[in-house]
């Protein structure tokens, strides 16, 4: 193995798992600390609904890079918690539109505060120049694989 291969393997391992998992775990812990009884995965669904309600399950799957069975499971659980409801799409009876309930809307402020806290914790000690470089690299990787 040459140095380039080792660097690529370490980069891929880091990129695809460690940072993402650590951020997700920290978000989960931060949500729990303020008694928001949702998972980081559920938060990601709620986030997109806080931005725009009435999305289809497919749109939520695309936004969160999850497959249909995962989205269905997440929405089922959010529905059981009373945070979202499914409404049949009048234009396409095969689709459901997902809307927040009153309780789901109430979680926005606290949920967003905990997400902001998590990002601040994750980026502690990262200067703006390096953050910009990291964003550009990750965007390039994403575009290359799109």
N, C-alpha and C. Protein backbone atom coordinates (compact mmCIF):
# COMPACT_ATOMS: atom_id res chain seq x y z
N UNK A 1 0.83 -1.18 0.00
CA UNK A 1 0.00 0.00 0.00
C UNK A 1 0.88 1.25 0.00
N UNK A 2 0.58 2.16 -0.89
CA UNK A 2 1.35 3.40 -0.90
C UNK A 2 0.66 4.46 -0.02
N UNK A 3 1.36 5.57 0.18
CA UNK A 3 0.84 6.63 1.06
C UNK A 3 -0.49 7.18 0.57
N UNK A 4 -0.63 7.32 -0.73
CA UNK A 4 -1.88 7.84 -1.29
C UNK A 4 -3.05 6.93 -0.97
N UNK A 5 -2.86 5.62 -1.03
CA UNK A 5 -3.92 4.67 -0.71
C UNK A 5 -4.31 4.78 0.76
N UNK A 6 -3.32 4.87 1.64
CA UNK A 6 -3.59 4.98 3.08
C UNK A 6 -4.37 6.24 3.36
N UNK A 7 -3.94 7.36 2.80
CA UNK A 7 -4.63 8.63 3.01
C UNK A 7 -6.07 8.54 2.49
N UNK A 8 -6.26 7.97 1.32
CA UNK A 8 -7.61 7.83 0.75
C UNK A 8 -8.50 6.98 1.64
N UNK A 9 -7.97 5.85 2.14
CA UNK A 9 -8.76 4.98 3.01
C UNK A 9 -9.12 5.67 4.32
N UNK A 10 -8.15 6.38 4.91
CA UNK A 10 -8.43 7.11 6.14
C UNK A 10 -9.45 8.21 5.90
N UNK A 11 -9.30 8.92 4.80
CA UNK A 11 -10.23 10.00 4.46
C UNK A 11 -11.63 9.44 4.28
N UNK A 12 -11.75 8.37 3.52
CA UNK A 12 -13.07 7.78 3.27
C UNK A 12 -13.71 7.32 4.57
N UNK A 13 -12.91 6.64 5.40
CA UNK A 13 -13.43 6.15 6.67
C UNK A 13 -13.93 7.32 7.52
N UNK A 14 -13.14 8.37 7.59
CA UNK A 14 -13.52 9.54 8.37
C UNK A 14 -14.76 10.21 7.77
N UNK A 15 -14.71 10.43 6.46
CA UNK A 15 -15.79 11.13 5.78
C UNK A 15 -17.10 10.39 5.91
N UNK A 16 -17.07 9.09 5.70
CA UNK A 16 -18.31 8.33 5.63
C UNK A 16 -18.88 7.93 6.97
N UNK A 17 -18.11 8.07 8.03
CA UNK A 17 -18.66 7.57 9.26
C UNK A 17 -18.38 8.33 10.53
N UNK A 18 -17.14 8.53 10.84
CA UNK A 18 -16.78 9.02 12.17
C UNK A 18 -17.39 10.38 12.50
N UNK A 19 -17.19 11.35 11.63
CA UNK A 19 -17.71 12.69 11.92
C UNK A 19 -19.23 12.70 11.93
N UNK A 20 -19.83 12.06 10.96
CA UNK A 20 -21.29 12.03 10.88
C UNK A 20 -21.89 11.34 12.11
N UNK A 21 -21.32 10.22 12.49
CA UNK A 21 -21.81 9.49 13.65
C UNK A 21 -21.64 10.30 14.93
N UNK A 22 -20.48 10.95 15.06
CA UNK A 22 -20.23 11.75 16.26
C UNK A 22 -21.21 12.91 16.36
N UNK A 23 -21.47 13.58 15.25
CA UNK A 23 -22.41 14.70 15.26
C UNK A 23 -23.82 14.21 15.60
N UNK A 24 -24.21 13.09 15.00
CA UNK A 24 -25.53 12.54 15.26
C UNK A 24 -25.69 12.14 16.72
N UNK A 25 -24.66 11.54 17.28
CA UNK A 25 -24.71 11.15 18.70
C UNK A 25 -24.79 12.37 19.60
N UNK A 26 -24.03 13.39 19.27
CA UNK A 26 -24.05 14.61 20.09
C UNK A 26 -25.41 15.29 19.99
N UNK A 27 -25.98 15.34 18.79
CA UNK A 27 -27.31 15.92 18.63
C UNK A 27 -28.32 15.14 19.47
N UNK A 28 -28.22 13.81 19.42
CA UNK A 28 -29.12 12.97 20.21
C UNK A 28 -29.00 13.30 21.70
N UNK A 29 -27.77 13.43 22.18
CA UNK A 29 -27.55 13.75 23.58
C UNK A 29 -28.08 15.15 23.92
N UNK A 30 -27.84 16.11 23.03
CA UNK A 30 -28.31 17.47 23.28
C UNK A 30 -29.83 17.55 23.28
N UNK A 31 -30.48 16.81 22.41
CA UNK A 31 -31.94 16.77 22.39
C UNK A 31 -32.47 16.17 23.70
N UNK A 32 -31.84 15.10 24.12
CA UNK A 32 -32.27 14.42 25.35
C UNK A 32 -32.10 15.31 26.57
N UNK A 33 -31.02 16.09 26.61
CA UNK A 33 -30.76 16.95 27.76
C UNK A 33 -31.85 17.99 27.99
N UNK A 34 -32.53 18.41 26.92
CA UNK A 34 -33.61 19.38 27.08
C UNK A 34 -34.99 18.70 27.00
N UNK A 35 -34.96 17.39 27.19
CA UNK A 35 -36.20 16.60 27.27
C UNK A 35 -36.99 16.56 25.96
N UNK A 36 -36.31 16.70 24.83
CA UNK A 36 -36.96 16.50 23.53
C UNK A 36 -36.83 15.01 23.22
N UNK A 37 -37.92 14.30 23.31
CA UNK A 37 -37.88 12.85 23.16
C UNK A 37 -38.00 12.42 21.70
N UNK A 38 -37.07 12.90 20.91
CA UNK A 38 -36.98 12.50 19.50
C UNK A 38 -35.54 12.10 19.22
N UNK A 39 -35.38 11.27 18.20
CA UNK A 39 -34.04 10.86 17.79
C UNK A 39 -33.47 11.88 16.82
N UNK A 40 -32.17 11.79 16.60
CA UNK A 40 -31.52 12.66 15.62
C UNK A 40 -32.11 12.41 14.23
N UNK A 41 -32.43 11.16 13.92
CA UNK A 41 -33.06 10.84 12.63
C UNK A 41 -34.43 11.51 12.51
N UNK A 42 -35.21 11.44 13.57
CA UNK A 42 -36.52 12.08 13.56
C UNK A 42 -36.37 13.58 13.44
N UNK A 43 -35.36 14.14 14.11
CA UNK A 43 -35.10 15.57 14.01
C UNK A 43 -34.90 15.97 12.56
N UNK A 44 -34.17 15.17 11.79
CA UNK A 44 -33.89 15.53 10.40
C UNK A 44 -35.18 15.58 9.57
N UNK A 45 -36.13 14.74 9.85
CA UNK A 45 -37.42 14.78 9.15
C UNK A 45 -38.18 16.03 9.58
N UNK A 46 -38.23 16.27 10.89
CA UNK A 46 -38.92 17.46 11.40
C UNK A 46 -38.30 18.73 10.83
N UNK A 47 -36.98 18.76 10.72
CA UNK A 47 -36.29 19.94 10.20
C UNK A 47 -36.85 20.33 8.83
N UNK A 48 -36.96 19.37 7.92
CA UNK A 48 -37.46 19.70 6.58
C UNK A 48 -38.93 20.10 6.61
N UNK A 49 -39.68 19.51 7.54
CA UNK A 49 -41.09 19.91 7.67
C UNK A 49 -41.22 21.28 8.31
N UNK A 50 -40.30 21.65 9.19
CA UNK A 50 -40.31 23.00 9.75
C UNK A 50 -40.02 24.02 8.66
N UNK A 51 -39.23 23.64 7.66
CA UNK A 51 -38.91 24.53 6.56
C UNK A 51 -40.07 24.62 5.56
N UNK A 52 -40.74 23.47 5.34
CA UNK A 52 -41.86 23.42 4.39
C UNK A 52 -42.73 22.20 4.69
N UNK A 53 -43.96 22.45 5.05
CA UNK A 53 -44.89 21.35 5.32
C UNK A 53 -45.50 20.85 4.02
N UNK A 54 -46.11 19.68 4.11
CA UNK A 54 -46.80 19.12 2.96
C UNK A 54 -45.87 18.45 1.97
N UNK A 55 -44.71 18.00 2.46
CA UNK A 55 -43.79 17.27 1.59
C UNK A 55 -44.24 15.82 1.47
N UNK A 56 -43.90 15.20 0.37
CA UNK A 56 -44.20 13.77 0.21
C UNK A 56 -43.12 12.96 0.92
N UNK A 57 -43.42 11.70 1.14
CA UNK A 57 -42.43 10.82 1.74
C UNK A 57 -41.21 10.71 0.83
N UNK A 58 -41.43 10.70 -0.48
CA UNK A 58 -40.31 10.63 -1.41
C UNK A 58 -39.43 11.87 -1.33
N UNK A 59 -40.05 13.02 -1.21
CA UNK A 59 -39.26 14.26 -1.07
C UNK A 59 -38.43 14.22 0.22
N UNK A 60 -39.03 13.75 1.30
CA UNK A 60 -38.29 13.63 2.56
C UNK A 60 -37.15 12.62 2.43
N UNK A 61 -37.39 11.54 1.71
CA UNK A 61 -36.33 10.55 1.47
C UNK A 61 -35.18 11.19 0.69
N UNK A 62 -35.51 11.96 -0.33
CA UNK A 62 -34.48 12.61 -1.13
C UNK A 62 -33.69 13.63 -0.32
N UNK A 63 -34.38 14.44 0.47
CA UNK A 63 -33.71 15.47 1.27
C UNK A 63 -32.78 14.87 2.31
N UNK A 64 -33.17 13.74 2.89
CA UNK A 64 -32.41 13.16 4.00
C UNK A 64 -31.52 11.99 3.56
N UNK A 65 -31.51 11.68 2.28
CA UNK A 65 -30.68 10.59 1.73
C UNK A 65 -31.00 9.25 2.40
N UNK A 66 -32.28 9.01 2.60
CA UNK A 66 -32.72 7.74 3.18
C UNK A 66 -33.60 7.00 2.18
N UNK A 67 -33.69 5.70 2.37
CA UNK A 67 -34.54 4.91 1.49
C UNK A 67 -35.99 4.96 1.97
N UNK A 68 -36.89 4.51 1.10
CA UNK A 68 -38.32 4.58 1.42
C UNK A 68 -38.71 3.83 2.70
N UNK A 69 -38.20 2.61 2.92
CA UNK A 69 -38.58 1.93 4.17
C UNK A 69 -38.14 2.70 5.42
N UNK A 70 -36.97 3.33 5.38
CA UNK A 70 -36.50 4.11 6.53
C UNK A 70 -37.40 5.31 6.77
N UNK A 71 -37.78 6.00 5.70
CA UNK A 71 -38.66 7.17 5.83
C UNK A 71 -40.02 6.74 6.37
N UNK A 72 -40.54 5.64 5.87
CA UNK A 72 -41.83 5.14 6.35
C UNK A 72 -41.76 4.85 7.84
N UNK A 73 -40.70 4.20 8.28
CA UNK A 73 -40.53 3.88 9.70
C UNK A 73 -40.45 5.16 10.53
N UNK A 74 -39.65 6.13 10.07
CA UNK A 74 -39.50 7.38 10.81
C UNK A 74 -40.83 8.13 10.90
N UNK A 75 -41.55 8.19 9.81
CA UNK A 75 -42.83 8.90 9.81
C UNK A 75 -43.85 8.17 10.68
N UNK A 76 -43.85 6.83 10.62
CA UNK A 76 -44.74 6.06 11.50
C UNK A 76 -44.47 6.40 12.96
N UNK A 77 -43.19 6.46 13.34
CA UNK A 77 -42.84 6.77 14.72
C UNK A 77 -43.21 8.20 15.09
N UNK A 78 -42.98 9.14 14.18
CA UNK A 78 -43.37 10.54 14.44
C UNK A 78 -44.89 10.67 14.55
N UNK A 79 -45.59 9.89 13.77
CA UNK A 79 -47.05 9.89 13.84
C UNK A 79 -47.51 9.35 15.21
N UNK A 80 -46.88 8.26 15.66
CA UNK A 80 -47.21 7.70 16.98
C UNK A 80 -46.95 8.69 18.10
N UNK A 81 -45.91 9.51 17.93
CA UNK A 81 -45.59 10.54 18.93
C UNK A 81 -46.52 11.75 18.83
N UNK A 82 -47.37 11.77 17.81
CA UNK A 82 -48.30 12.88 17.63
C UNK A 82 -47.65 14.13 17.07
N UNK A 83 -46.54 13.97 16.35
CA UNK A 83 -45.82 15.13 15.83
C UNK A 83 -46.10 15.41 14.36
N UNK A 84 -46.55 14.41 13.62
CA UNK A 84 -46.89 14.59 12.20
C UNK A 84 -48.17 13.83 11.88
N UNK A 85 -48.78 14.22 10.77
CA UNK A 85 -49.92 13.48 10.23
C UNK A 85 -49.69 13.29 8.74
N UNK A 86 -50.26 12.21 8.22
CA UNK A 86 -50.24 11.95 6.79
C UNK A 86 -51.60 12.36 6.22
N UNK A 87 -51.56 13.01 5.07
CA UNK A 87 -52.78 13.41 4.38
C UNK A 87 -52.65 12.91 2.94
N UNK A 88 -53.70 12.27 2.44
CA UNK A 88 -53.65 11.81 1.05
C UNK A 88 -53.52 13.00 0.11
N UNK A 89 -52.63 12.85 -0.86
CA UNK A 89 -52.41 13.89 -1.87
C UNK A 89 -53.57 13.84 -2.86
N UNK A 90 -54.30 14.92 -2.97
CA UNK A 90 -55.46 14.96 -3.87
C UNK A 90 -55.05 14.85 -5.33
N UNK A 91 -53.82 15.33 -5.67
CA UNK A 91 -53.34 15.25 -7.06
C UNK A 91 -52.81 13.86 -7.41
N UNK A 92 -52.29 13.14 -6.41
CA UNK A 92 -51.71 11.82 -6.65
C UNK A 92 -52.07 10.92 -5.48
N UNK A 93 -53.10 10.13 -5.66
CA UNK A 93 -53.63 9.30 -4.57
C UNK A 93 -52.62 8.26 -4.07
N UNK A 94 -51.55 8.03 -4.82
CA UNK A 94 -50.52 7.08 -4.38
C UNK A 94 -49.60 7.70 -3.34
N UNK A 95 -49.64 9.01 -3.21
CA UNK A 95 -48.73 9.72 -2.30
C UNK A 95 -49.45 10.26 -1.08
N UNK A 96 -48.69 10.36 -0.02
CA UNK A 96 -49.14 11.03 1.19
C UNK A 96 -48.33 12.31 1.37
N UNK A 97 -48.98 13.35 1.81
CA UNK A 97 -48.30 14.59 2.18
C UNK A 97 -48.14 14.57 3.69
N UNK A 98 -46.98 15.00 4.16
CA UNK A 98 -46.70 14.95 5.59
C UNK A 98 -46.77 16.37 6.15
N UNK A 99 -47.56 16.52 7.20
CA UNK A 99 -47.75 17.81 7.86
C UNK A 99 -47.41 17.67 9.34
N UNK A 100 -46.96 18.76 9.91
CA UNK A 100 -46.71 18.81 11.35
C UNK A 100 -48.03 18.98 12.09
N UNK A 101 -48.08 18.43 13.28
CA UNK A 101 -49.20 18.72 14.17
C UNK A 101 -48.80 19.95 14.99
N UNK A 102 -49.73 20.42 15.79
CA UNK A 102 -49.43 21.55 16.68
C UNK A 102 -48.22 21.21 17.57
N UNK A 103 -48.20 19.98 18.10
CA UNK A 103 -47.07 19.55 18.95
C UNK A 103 -45.77 19.50 18.16
N UNK A 104 -45.83 19.08 16.91
CA UNK A 104 -44.64 19.06 16.06
C UNK A 104 -44.09 20.44 15.81
N UNK A 105 -44.98 21.40 15.61
CA UNK A 105 -44.54 22.79 15.40
C UNK A 105 -43.92 23.37 16.67
N UNK A 106 -44.43 22.97 17.83
CA UNK A 106 -43.93 23.49 19.10
C UNK A 106 -42.47 23.10 19.36
N UNK A 107 -42.01 22.02 18.74
CA UNK A 107 -40.65 21.54 18.98
C UNK A 107 -39.59 22.32 18.19
N UNK A 108 -40.03 23.14 17.23
CA UNK A 108 -39.08 23.78 16.33
C UNK A 108 -38.02 24.59 17.06
N UNK A 109 -38.43 25.51 17.92
CA UNK A 109 -37.45 26.40 18.55
C UNK A 109 -36.41 25.62 19.35
N UNK A 110 -36.87 24.73 20.21
CA UNK A 110 -35.93 23.95 21.04
C UNK A 110 -35.09 23.02 20.18
N UNK A 111 -35.69 22.42 19.16
CA UNK A 111 -34.96 21.52 18.27
C UNK A 111 -33.86 22.24 17.50
N UNK A 112 -34.19 23.42 17.00
CA UNK A 112 -33.21 24.20 16.24
C UNK A 112 -32.09 24.71 17.17
N UNK A 113 -32.45 25.07 18.39
CA UNK A 113 -31.42 25.52 19.35
C UNK A 113 -30.42 24.40 19.63
N UNK A 114 -30.93 23.19 19.80
CA UNK A 114 -30.04 22.07 20.08
C UNK A 114 -29.18 21.71 18.85
N UNK A 115 -29.75 21.85 17.68
CA UNK A 115 -28.97 21.60 16.46
C UNK A 115 -27.86 22.64 16.33
N UNK A 116 -28.17 23.90 16.60
CA UNK A 116 -27.16 24.96 16.54
C UNK A 116 -26.06 24.71 17.57
N UNK A 117 -26.45 24.33 18.77
CA UNK A 117 -25.48 24.00 19.81
C UNK A 117 -24.56 22.87 19.35
N UNK A 118 -25.14 21.85 18.75
CA UNK A 118 -24.37 20.70 18.27
C UNK A 118 -23.35 21.12 17.22
N UNK A 119 -23.77 21.95 16.30
CA UNK A 119 -22.85 22.42 15.25
C UNK A 119 -21.74 23.27 15.86
N UNK A 120 -22.09 24.14 16.81
CA UNK A 120 -21.06 24.95 17.48
C UNK A 120 -20.05 24.05 18.19
N UNK A 121 -20.55 23.01 18.85
CA UNK A 121 -19.65 22.08 19.54
C UNK A 121 -18.77 21.33 18.54
N UNK A 122 -19.34 20.93 17.44
CA UNK A 122 -18.60 20.18 16.42
C UNK A 122 -17.51 21.04 15.78
N UNK A 123 -17.78 22.32 15.61
CA UNK A 123 -16.85 23.20 14.90
C UNK A 123 -15.95 24.01 15.84
N UNK A 124 -16.01 23.70 17.12
CA UNK A 124 -15.17 24.42 18.09
C UNK A 124 -13.70 24.30 17.68
N UNK A 125 -13.03 25.44 17.56
CA UNK A 125 -11.62 25.45 17.21
C UNK A 125 -11.33 25.38 15.71
N UNK A 126 -12.37 25.33 14.90
CA UNK A 126 -12.19 25.32 13.44
C UNK A 126 -12.36 26.76 12.96
N UNK A 127 -11.29 27.29 12.36
CA UNK A 127 -11.39 28.67 11.90
C UNK A 127 -12.17 28.74 10.58
N UNK A 128 -12.60 29.95 10.25
CA UNK A 128 -13.46 30.16 9.09
C UNK A 128 -12.81 29.72 7.78
N UNK A 129 -11.52 29.94 7.64
CA UNK A 129 -10.82 29.55 6.41
C UNK A 129 -10.85 28.03 6.23
N UNK A 130 -10.53 27.30 7.29
CA UNK A 130 -10.54 25.84 7.20
C UNK A 130 -11.95 25.29 7.02
N UNK A 131 -12.91 25.95 7.64
CA UNK A 131 -14.30 25.53 7.46
C UNK A 131 -14.71 25.68 6.00
N UNK A 132 -14.35 26.79 5.40
CA UNK A 132 -14.67 27.04 3.99
C UNK A 132 -14.00 25.99 3.10
N UNK A 133 -12.75 25.68 3.38
CA UNK A 133 -12.03 24.67 2.60
C UNK A 133 -12.73 23.31 2.74
N UNK A 134 -13.08 22.94 3.97
CA UNK A 134 -13.76 21.67 4.21
C UNK A 134 -15.09 21.61 3.47
N UNK A 135 -15.85 22.71 3.50
CA UNK A 135 -17.12 22.76 2.79
C UNK A 135 -16.91 22.57 1.29
N UNK A 136 -15.92 23.22 0.74
CA UNK A 136 -15.64 23.11 -0.69
C UNK A 136 -15.24 21.68 -1.06
N UNK A 137 -14.40 21.06 -0.25
CA UNK A 137 -13.97 19.69 -0.52
C UNK A 137 -15.16 18.74 -0.46
N UNK A 138 -15.94 18.85 0.60
CA UNK A 138 -17.09 17.95 0.74
C UNK A 138 -18.11 18.17 -0.37
N UNK A 139 -18.31 19.39 -0.77
CA UNK A 139 -19.23 19.68 -1.89
C UNK A 139 -18.70 19.05 -3.18
N UNK A 140 -17.39 19.13 -3.39
CA UNK A 140 -16.79 18.53 -4.59
C UNK A 140 -16.95 17.01 -4.55
N UNK A 141 -16.70 16.39 -3.41
CA UNK A 141 -16.89 14.94 -3.27
C UNK A 141 -18.33 14.58 -3.57
N UNK A 142 -19.26 15.33 -3.00
CA UNK A 142 -20.68 15.07 -3.22
C UNK A 142 -21.03 15.20 -4.70
N UNK A 143 -20.58 16.27 -5.34
CA UNK A 143 -20.87 16.49 -6.77
C UNK A 143 -20.25 15.39 -7.63
N UNK A 144 -19.07 14.93 -7.26
CA UNK A 144 -18.41 13.85 -8.01
C UNK A 144 -19.21 12.56 -7.95
N UNK A 145 -19.91 12.34 -6.86
CA UNK A 145 -20.63 11.09 -6.66
C UNK A 145 -22.10 11.17 -6.92
N UNK A 146 -22.58 12.32 -7.26
CA UNK A 146 -24.01 12.55 -7.51
C UNK A 146 -24.49 11.80 -8.72
